[in-house]
Protein backbone atom coordinates (compact mmCIF):
# COMPACT_ATOMS: atom_id res chain seq x y z
CA MET A 1 -4.62 32.44 6.16
CA LYS A 2 -8.02 30.76 5.96
CA THR A 3 -7.87 30.81 2.16
CA ARG A 4 -4.57 28.95 2.17
CA LEU A 5 -5.87 26.36 4.61
CA PHE A 6 -8.90 25.63 2.45
CA SER A 7 -6.87 25.41 -0.75
CA VAL A 8 -4.27 23.04 0.74
CA THR A 9 -6.78 20.71 2.46
CA PRO A 10 -8.22 19.17 -0.77
CA LEU A 11 -4.70 18.62 -2.08
CA PHE A 12 -3.66 16.89 1.15
CA LEU A 13 -6.76 14.68 1.15
CA SER A 14 -6.23 13.68 -2.49
CA VAL A 15 -2.60 12.68 -1.77
CA VAL A 16 -3.65 10.61 1.26
CA PHE A 17 -6.42 8.87 -0.71
CA THR A 18 -4.15 8.17 -3.71
CA THR A 19 -1.40 6.75 -1.50
CA ALA A 20 -3.85 4.49 0.33
CA VAL A 21 -5.24 3.11 -2.93
CA ALA A 22 -1.80 2.61 -4.50
CA GLN A 23 -0.55 0.39 -1.65
CA GLN A 24 -2.94 -2.50 -2.13
CA PHE A 25 -1.55 -5.96 -2.79
CA ILE A 26 -2.69 -8.26 -5.57
CA GLU A 27 -2.67 -12.04 -5.49
CA ALA A 28 0.60 -13.46 -6.82
CA PRO A 29 0.33 -15.77 -9.83
CA GLN A 30 1.40 -19.39 -9.43
CA TYR A 31 3.39 -21.29 -12.03
CA ALA A 32 3.50 -25.09 -12.12
CA THR A 33 6.59 -27.18 -12.72
CA ASN A 34 6.77 -30.90 -13.33
CA GLY A 35 8.11 -32.68 -10.25
CA ALA A 36 9.33 -31.32 -6.94
CA PRO A 37 11.40 -28.12 -7.37
CA ARG A 38 14.61 -28.20 -5.33
CA ALA A 39 16.63 -25.39 -6.90
CA VAL A 40 15.67 -22.22 -8.72
CA THR A 41 17.80 -19.74 -10.64
CA THR A 42 17.19 -16.80 -12.94
CA ALA A 43 18.88 -15.67 -16.15
CA ASP A 44 17.99 -14.48 -19.64
CA PHE A 45 18.00 -17.95 -21.23
CA ASN A 46 16.55 -16.96 -24.62
CA GLY A 47 18.29 -13.59 -25.08
CA ASP A 48 15.12 -11.47 -25.26
CA GLY A 49 16.19 -9.07 -22.49
CA TYR A 50 13.77 -10.43 -19.87
CA VAL A 51 14.83 -12.50 -16.85
CA ASP A 52 13.61 -16.12 -17.13
CA ILE A 53 13.34 -18.80 -14.42
CA ALA A 54 14.83 -22.30 -14.33
CA ALA A 55 13.66 -24.83 -11.73
CA GLY A 56 15.50 -28.07 -11.04
CA ASN A 57 12.98 -30.79 -10.18
CA THR A 58 13.78 -34.02 -8.35
CA GLY A 59 11.70 -37.12 -7.89
CA SER A 60 10.36 -39.47 -10.52
CA SER A 61 10.52 -36.71 -13.15
CA ALA A 62 14.03 -35.29 -12.70
CA THR A 63 13.93 -32.32 -15.06
CA ILE A 64 14.95 -28.73 -15.46
CA GLN A 65 11.89 -26.64 -16.27
CA ILE A 66 12.39 -23.27 -17.99
CA LEU A 67 9.76 -20.55 -17.54
CA LEU A 68 10.21 -17.79 -20.12
CA ALA A 69 9.37 -14.20 -19.17
CA ASN A 70 6.80 -12.17 -21.08
CA SER A 71 7.11 -8.41 -21.55
CA ASP A 72 4.29 -7.81 -19.02
CA GLY A 73 6.11 -9.54 -16.13
CA THR A 74 4.30 -12.87 -16.38
CA PHE A 75 5.85 -16.20 -17.40
CA ARG A 76 5.00 -18.91 -19.92
CA GLN A 77 6.09 -22.53 -20.14
CA GLY A 78 9.37 -22.90 -21.95
CA GLN A 79 11.54 -25.89 -22.57
CA GLN A 80 11.75 -28.89 -20.26
CA LEU A 81 15.10 -30.65 -20.15
CA GLY A 82 15.76 -34.12 -18.80
CA ALA A 83 18.18 -34.29 -15.88
CA PRO A 84 19.09 -37.96 -15.44
CA GLY A 85 20.77 -38.71 -12.14
CA LEU A 86 19.34 -35.63 -10.40
CA THR A 87 18.29 -36.92 -6.99
CA SER A 88 17.69 -35.47 -3.56
CA TYR A 89 20.14 -36.46 -0.82
CA SER A 90 18.28 -35.05 2.17
């Protein structure tokens, strides 16, 4: 019985240590848009199989900003479209 206890203990400790290390958070990246974002949606805008982000901005620069997804889960600046007449009513 003692042999089993000693052989299982290192395995248990390695699982506990691995689980504790794997549950650490990393700082989330921030992506800038031009203007004040009021609406956000996701879709595959360029057909590459990755989900992209579109943000509708109000204010002096009423635009729709597209952020294109990279294969590693990050985003890059895509196209910016003018959205004349897009205003905030709140």
